[in-house]
Amino acid sequence: MRSLIWLSLGLAVGALAYRAAQQLRDEPRSGGLNRAANRLADSTAHFAEDVRRAMAAREAELRNALGIEA
């Protein structure tokens, strides 16, 4: 029963993703699928950079609080 639920969920997500890709492909005025993929890649890179920066700051705070020299 559980696998049927996951299969249904996967099919629904796949159908939604396919429909969204088709809509992006059919919209020439907004740049289409390539521009959307580039925006996604850029936003992912910025998010990863922000996470690394926050991790380094938090690590510095923890090291300072524990009295550990870097």
PDB file of N, CA and C in Angstrom:
ATOM      1  N   MET A   1       0.821  -1.186   0.000  1.00  0.00           N
ATOM      2  CA  MET A   1       0.000   0.000   0.000  1.00  0.00           C
ATOM      3  C   MET A   1       0.868   1.253   0.000  1.00  0.00           C
ATOM      4  N   ARG A   2       1.920   1.237   0.803  1.00  0.00           N
ATOM      5  CA  ARG A   2       2.792   2.387   0.908  1.00  0.00           C
ATOM      6  C   ARG A   2       3.492   2.662  -0.417  1.00  0.00           C
ATOM      7  N   SER A   3       3.912   1.598  -1.108  1.00  0.00           N
ATOM      8  CA  SER A   3       4.593   1.793  -2.389  1.00  0.00           C
ATOM      9  C   SER A   3       3.636   2.355  -3.435  1.00  0.00           C
ATOM     10  N   LEU A   4       2.362   2.022  -3.351  1.00  0.00           N
ATOM     11  CA  LEU A   4       1.373   2.570  -4.271  1.00  0.00           C
ATOM     12  C   LEU A   4       1.213   4.074  -4.060  1.00  0.00           C
ATOM     13  N   ILE A   5       1.261   4.490  -2.819  1.00  0.00           N
ATOM     14  CA  ILE A   5       1.178   5.921  -2.510  1.00  0.00           C
ATOM     15  C   ILE A   5       2.386   6.649  -3.080  1.00  0.00           C
ATOM     16  N   TRP A   6       3.581   6.098  -2.874  1.00  0.00           N
ATOM     17  CA  TRP A   6       4.793   6.731  -3.397  1.00  0.00           C
ATOM     18  C   TRP A   6       4.805   6.742  -4.919  1.00  0.00           C
ATOM     19  N   LEU A   7       4.324   5.687  -5.537  1.00  0.00           N
ATOM     20  CA  LEU A   7       4.235   5.642  -6.988  1.00  0.00           C
ATOM     21  C   LEU A   7       3.284   6.714  -7.502  1.00  0.00           C
ATOM     22  N   SER A   8       2.157   6.861  -6.857  1.00  0.00           N
ATOM     23  CA  SER A   8       1.188   7.886  -7.252  1.00  0.00           C
ATOM     24  C   SER A   8       1.765   9.281  -7.081  1.00  0.00           C
ATOM     25  N   LEU A   9       2.444   9.490  -5.974  1.00  0.00           N
ATOM     26  CA  LEU A   9       3.063  10.786  -5.726  1.00  0.00           C
ATOM     27  C   LEU A   9       4.136  11.089  -6.772  1.00  0.00           C
ATOM     28  N   GLY A  10       4.937  10.101  -7.103  1.00  0.00           N
ATOM     29  CA  GLY A  10       5.968  10.279  -8.117  1.00  0.00           C
ATOM     30  C   GLY A  10       5.390  10.585  -9.486  1.00  0.00           C
ATOM     31  N   LEU A  11       4.309   9.896  -9.835  1.00  0.00           N
ATOM     32  CA  LEU A  11       3.649  10.165 -11.107  1.00  0.00           C
ATOM     33  C   LEU A  11       3.077  11.578 -11.146  1.00  0.00           C
ATOM     34  N   ALA A  12       2.496  12.017 -10.055  1.00  0.00           N
ATOM     35  CA  ALA A  12       1.921  13.361 -10.010  1.00  0.00           C
ATOM     36  C   ALA A  12       3.007  14.427 -10.133  1.00  0.00           C
ATOM     37  N   VAL A  13       4.102  14.250  -9.409  1.00  0.00           N
ATOM     38  CA  VAL A  13       5.206  15.214  -9.482  1.00  0.00           C
ATOM     39  C   VAL A  13       5.817  15.216 -10.880  1.00  0.00           C
ATOM     40  N   GLY A  14       5.981  14.056 -11.465  1.00  0.00           N
ATOM     41  CA  GLY A  14       6.512  13.973 -12.816  1.00  0.00           C
ATOM     42  C   GLY A  14       5.614  14.653 -13.829  1.00  0.00           C
ATOM     43  N   ALA A  15       4.312  14.462 -13.692  1.00  0.00           N
ATOM     44  CA  ALA A  15       3.366  15.109 -14.609  1.00  0.00           C
ATOM     45  C   ALA A  15       3.406  16.624 -14.455  1.00  0.00           C
ATOM     46  N   LEU A  16       3.481  17.100 -13.219  1.00  0.00           N
ATOM     47  CA  LEU A  16       3.572  18.546 -13.001  1.00  0.00           C
ATOM     48  C   LEU A  16       4.862  19.123 -13.564  1.00  0.00           C
ATOM     49  N   ALA A  17       5.954  18.419 -13.372  1.00  0.00           N
ATOM     50  CA  ALA A  17       7.237  18.893 -13.902  1.00  0.00           C
ATOM     51  C   ALA A  17       7.226  18.898 -15.424  1.00  0.00           C
ATOM     52  N   TYR A  18       6.640  17.875 -16.033  1.00  0.00           N
ATOM     53  CA  TYR A  18       6.554  17.818 -17.490  1.00  0.00           C
ATOM     54  C   TYR A  18       5.707  18.971 -18.019  1.00  0.00           C
ATOM     55  N   ARG A  19       4.604  19.227 -17.366  1.00  0.00           N
ATOM     56  CA  ARG A  19       3.734  20.325 -17.803  1.00  0.00           C
ATOM     57  C   ARG A  19       4.425  21.674 -17.647  1.00  0.00           C
ATOM     58  N   ALA A  20       5.142  21.876 -16.563  1.00  0.00           N
ATOM     59  CA  ALA A  20       5.864  23.136 -16.367  1.00  0.00           C
ATOM     60  C   ALA A  20       6.948  23.304 -17.422  1.00  0.00           C
ATOM     61  N   ALA A  21       7.653  22.235 -17.757  1.00  0.00           N
ATOM     62  CA  ALA A  21       8.689  22.308 -18.789  1.00  0.00           C
ATOM     63  C   ALA A  21       8.079  22.623 -20.143  1.00  0.00           C
ATOM     64  N   GLN A  22       6.926  22.057 -20.434  1.00  0.00           N
ATOM     65  CA  GLN A  22       6.262  22.337 -21.705  1.00  0.00           C
ATOM     66  C   GLN A  22       5.825  23.801 -21.779  1.00  0.00           C
ATOM     67  N   GLN A  23       5.342  24.343 -20.680  1.00  0.00           N
ATOM     68  CA  GLN A  23       4.929  25.744 -20.666  1.00  0.00           C
ATOM     69  C   GLN A  23       6.124  26.661 -20.836  1.00  0.00           C
ATOM     70  N   LEU A  24       7.235  26.347 -20.206  1.00  0.00           N
ATOM     71  CA  LEU A  24       8.438  27.165 -20.362  1.00  0.00           C
ATOM     72  C   LEU A  24       8.951  27.094 -21.789  1.00  0.00           C
ATOM     73  N   ARG A  25       8.883  25.935 -22.390  1.00  0.00           N
ATOM     74  CA  ARG A  25       9.369  25.765 -23.748  1.00  0.00           C
ATOM     75  C   ARG A  25       8.525  26.562 -24.733  1.00  0.00           C
ATOM     76  N   ASP A  26       7.242  26.682 -24.462  1.00  0.00           N
ATOM     77  CA  ASP A  26       6.330  27.351 -25.370  1.00  0.00           C
ATOM     78  C   ASP A  26       6.272  28.866 -25.174  1.00  0.00           C
ATOM     79  N   GLU A  27       6.996  29.404 -24.214  1.00  0.00           N
ATOM     80  CA  GLU A  27       6.982  30.845 -23.956  1.00  0.00           C
ATOM     81  C   GLU A  27       8.259  31.489 -24.476  1.00  0.00           C
ATOM     82  N   PRO A  28       8.274  31.943 -25.719  1.00  0.00           N
ATOM     83  CA  PRO A  28       9.489  32.548 -26.251  1.00  0.00           C
ATOM     84  C   PRO A  28       9.786  33.924 -25.659  1.00  0.00           C
ATOM     85  N   ARG A  29       8.772  34.625 -25.192  1.00  0.00           N
ATOM     86  CA  ARG A  29       9.005  35.984 -24.703  1.00  0.00           C
ATOM     87  C   ARG A  29       9.751  36.009 -23.375  1.00  0.00           C
ATOM     88  N   SER A  30       9.630  34.993 -22.574  1.00  0.00           N
ATOM     89  CA  SER A  30      10.294  35.008 -21.269  1.00  0.00           C
ATOM     90  C   SER A  30      11.646  34.304 -21.287  1.00  0.00           C
ATOM     91  N   GLY A  31      12.079  33.817 -22.424  1.00  0.00           N
ATOM     92  CA  GLY A  31      13.388  33.206 -22.520  1.00  0.00           C
ATOM     93  C   GLY A  31      13.358  31.699 -22.572  1.00  0.00           C
ATOM     94  N   GLY A  32      12.244  31.089 -22.242  1.00  0.00           N
ATOM     95  CA  GLY A  32      12.129  29.652 -22.365  1.00  0.00           C
ATOM     96  C   GLY A  32      12.877  28.866 -21.316  1.00  0.00           C
ATOM     97  N   LEU A  33      13.108  27.623 -21.661  1.00  0.00           N
ATOM     98  CA  LEU A  33      13.668  26.658 -20.726  1.00  0.00           C
ATOM     99  C   LEU A  33      15.131  26.939 -20.405  1.00  0.00           C
ATOM    100  N   ASN A  34      15.915  27.371 -21.383  1.00  0.00           N
ATOM    101  CA  ASN A  34      17.328  27.643 -21.131  1.00  0.00           C
ATOM    102  C   ASN A  34      17.526  28.775 -20.130  1.00  0.00           C
ATOM    103  N   ARG A  35      16.758  29.827 -20.279  1.00  0.00           N
ATOM    104  CA  ARG A  35      16.884  30.951 -19.347  1.00  0.00           C
ATOM    105  C   ARG A  35      16.444  30.534 -17.942  1.00  0.00           C
ATOM    106  N   ALA A  36      15.389  29.741 -17.855  1.00  0.00           N
ATOM    107  CA  ALA A  36      14.926  29.267 -16.546  1.00  0.00           C
ATOM    108  C   ALA A  36      15.981  28.371 -15.903  1.00  0.00           C
ATOM    109  N   ALA A  37      16.622  27.529 -16.698  1.00  0.00           N
ATOM    110  CA  ALA A  37      17.675  26.660 -16.165  1.00  0.00           C
ATOM    111  C   ALA A  37      18.863  27.491 -15.694  1.00  0.00           C
ATOM    112  N   ASN A  38      19.212  28.523 -16.438  1.00  0.00           N
ATOM    113  CA  ASN A  38      20.313  29.398 -16.028  1.00  0.00           C
ATOM    114  C   ASN A  38      19.989  30.141 -14.741  1.00  0.00           C
ATOM    115  N   ARG A  39      18.751  30.612 -14.626  1.00  0.00           N
ATOM    116  CA  ARG A  39      18.352  31.292 -13.387  1.00  0.00           C
ATOM    117  C   ARG A  39      18.409  30.344 -12.204  1.00  0.00           C
ATOM    118  N   LEU A  40      17.966  29.108 -12.411  1.00  0.00           N
ATOM    119  CA  LEU A  40      18.008  28.112 -11.343  1.00  0.00           C
ATOM    120  C   LEU A  40      19.442  27.816 -10.934  1.00  0.00           C
ATOM    121  N   ALA A  41      20.332  27.668 -11.914  1.00  0.00           N
ATOM    122  CA  ALA A  41      21.740  27.400 -11.611  1.00  0.00           C
ATOM    123  C   ALA A  41      22.363  28.576 -10.862  1.00  0.00           C
ATOM    124  N   ASP A  42      22.055  29.801 -11.286  1.00  0.00           N
ATOM    125  CA  ASP A  42      22.595  30.978 -10.605  1.00  0.00           C
ATOM    126  C   ASP A  42      22.086  31.083  -9.177  1.00  0.00           C
ATOM    127  N   SER A  43      20.792  30.867  -8.983  1.00  0.00           N
ATOM    128  CA  SER A  43      20.245  30.976  -7.635  1.00  0.00           C
ATOM    129  C   SER A  43      20.784  29.864  -6.731  1.00  0.00           C
ATOM    130  N   THR A  44      21.012  28.680  -7.288  1.00  0.00           N
ATOM    131  CA  THR A  44      21.590  27.588  -6.509  1.00  0.00           C
ATOM    132  C   THR A  44      23.016  27.916  -6.106  1.00  0.00           C
ATOM    133  N   ALA A  45      23.782  28.503  -7.027  1.00  0.00           N
ATOM    134  CA  ALA A  45      25.164  28.878  -6.716  1.00  0.00           C
ATOM    135  C   ALA A  45      25.202  29.959  -5.640  1.00  0.00           C
ATOM    136  N   HIS A  46      24.298  30.935  -5.734  1.00  0.00           N
ATOM    137  CA  HIS A  46      24.253  31.990  -4.713  1.00  0.00           C
ATOM    138  C   HIS A  46      23.847  31.429  -3.361  1.00  0.00           C
ATOM    139  N   PHE A  47      22.894  30.505  -3.353  1.00  0.00           N
ATOM    140  CA  PHE A  47      22.472  29.883  -2.103  1.00  0.00           C
ATOM    141  C   PHE A  47      23.625  29.112  -1.471  1.00  0.00           C
ATOM    142  N   ALA A  48      24.356  28.339  -2.280  1.00  0.00           N
ATOM    143  CA  ALA A  48      25.487  27.575  -1.755  1.00  0.00           C
ATOM    144  C   ALA A  48      26.558  28.506  -1.204  1.00  0.00           C
ATOM    145  N   GLU A  49      26.791  29.625  -1.873  1.00  0.00           N
ATOM    146  CA  GLU A  49      27.783  30.594  -1.395  1.00  0.00           C
ATOM    147  C   GLU A  49      27.343  31.186  -0.056  1.00  0.00           C
ATOM    148  N   ASP A  50      26.061  31.513   0.065  1.00  0.00           N
ATOM    149  CA  ASP A  50      25.544  32.043   1.324  1.00  0.00           C
ATOM    150  C   ASP A  50      25.659  31.021   2.451  1.00  0.00           C
ATOM    151  N   VAL A  51      25.388  29.763   2.156  1.00  0.00           N
ATOM    152  CA  VAL A  51      25.496  28.711   3.165  1.00  0.00           C
ATOM    153  C   VAL A  51      26.941  28.553   3.619  1.00  0.00           C
ATOM    154  N   ARG A  52      27.885  28.546   2.667  1.00  0.00           N
ATOM    155  CA  ARG A  52      29.302  28.428   3.040  1.00  0.00           C
ATOM    156  C   ARG A  52      29.753  29.607   3.893  1.00  0.00           C
ATOM    157  N   ARG A  53      29.308  30.802   3.535  1.00  0.00           N
ATOM    158  CA  ARG A  53      29.679  31.991   4.300  1.00  0.00           C
ATOM    159  C   ARG A  53      29.113  31.922   5.723  1.00  0.00           C
ATOM    160  N   ALA A  54      27.851  31.508   5.845  1.00  0.00           N
ATOM    161  CA  ALA A  54      27.225  31.392   7.160  1.00  0.00           C
ATOM    162  C   ALA A  54      27.882  30.293   7.988  1.00  0.00           C
ATOM    163  N   MET A  55      28.273  29.184   7.344  1.00  0.00           N
ATOM    164  CA  MET A  55      28.956  28.101   8.064  1.00  0.00           C
ATOM    165  C   MET A  55      30.296  28.580   8.611  1.00  0.00           C
ATOM    166  N   ALA A  56      31.030  29.335   7.801  1.00  0.00           N
ATOM    167  CA  ALA A  56      32.330  29.828   8.246  1.00  0.00           C
ATOM    168  C   ALA A  56      32.167  30.806   9.409  1.00  0.00           C
ATOM    169  N   ALA A  57      31.156  31.663   9.325  1.00  0.00           N
ATOM    170  CA  ALA A  57      30.923  32.618  10.412  1.00  0.00           C
ATOM    171  C   ALA A  57      30.529  31.887  11.694  1.00  0.00           C
ATOM    172  N   ARG A  58      29.661  30.901  11.571  1.00  0.00           N
ATOM    173  CA  ARG A  58      29.229  30.153  12.769  1.00  0.00           C
ATOM    174  C   ARG A  58      30.375  29.356  13.366  1.00  0.00           C
ATOM    175  N   GLU A  59      31.207  28.769  12.498  1.00  0.00           N
ATOM    176  CA  GLU A  59      32.359  28.030  12.999  1.00  0.00           C
ATOM    177  C   GLU A  59      33.314  28.957  13.747  1.00  0.00           C
ATOM    178  N   ALA A  60      33.498  30.169  13.219  1.00  0.00           N
ATOM    179  CA  ALA A  60      34.361  31.138  13.902  1.00  0.00           C
ATOM    180  C   ALA A  60      33.768  31.513  15.259  1.00  0.00           C
ATOM    181  N   GLU A  61      32.434  31.686  15.321  1.00  0.00           N
ATOM    182  CA  GLU A  61      31.786  31.988  16.598  1.00  0.00           C
ATOM    183  C   GLU A  61      31.984  30.858  17.600  1.00  0.00           C
ATOM    184  N   LEU A  62      31.810  29.627  17.154  1.00  0.00           N
ATOM    185  CA  LEU A  62      31.963  28.482  18.049  1.00  0.00           C
ATOM    186  C   LEU A  62      33.409  28.335  18.520  1.00  0.00           C
ATOM    187  N   ARG A  63      34.358  28.511  17.596  1.00  0.00           N
ATOM    188  CA  ARG A  63      35.763  28.427  17.987  1.00  0.00           C
ATOM    189  C   ARG A  63      36.108  29.513  18.997  1.00  0.00           C
ATOM    190  N   ASN A  64      35.579  30.722  18.792  1.00  0.00           N
ATOM    191  CA  ASN A  64      35.842  31.816  19.714  1.00  0.00           C
ATOM    192  C   ASN A  64      35.227  31.516  21.085  1.00  0.00           C
ATOM    193  N   ALA A  65      34.009  30.990  21.076  1.00  0.00           N
ATOM    194  CA  ALA A  65      33.334  30.683  22.342  1.00  0.00           C
ATOM    195  C   ALA A  65      34.048  29.561  23.112  1.00  0.00           C
ATOM    196  N   LEU A  66      34.648  28.610  22.386  1.00  0.00           N
ATOM    197  CA  LEU A  66      35.339  27.511  23.040  1.00  0.00           C
ATOM    198  C   LEU A  66      36.810  27.816  23.308  1.00  0.00           C
ATOM    199  N   GLY A  67      37.292  28.931  22.799  1.00  0.00           N
ATOM    200  CA  GLY A  67      38.685  29.313  23.025  1.00  0.00           C
ATOM    201  C   GLY A  67      39.646  28.517  22.173  1.00  0.00           C
ATOM    202  N   ILE A  68      39.210  28.050  21.026  1.00  0.00           N
ATOM    203  CA  ILE A  68      40.063  27.276  20.124  1.00  0.00           C
ATOM    204  C   ILE A  68      40.636  28.216  19.070  1.00  0.00           C
ATOM    205  N   GLU A  69      41.941  28.173  18.908  1.00  0.00           N
ATOM    206  CA  GLU A  69      42.574  28.991  17.882  1.00  0.00           C
ATOM    207  C   GLU A  69      42.428  28.345  16.536  1.00  0.00           C
ATOM    208  N   ALA A  70      42.152  29.130  15.525  1.00  0.00           N
ATOM    209  CA  ALA A  70      41.980  28.590  14.174  1.00  0.00           C
ATOM    210  C   ALA A  70      43.305  28.387  13.483  1.00  0.00           C
TER     211      ALA A  70
END
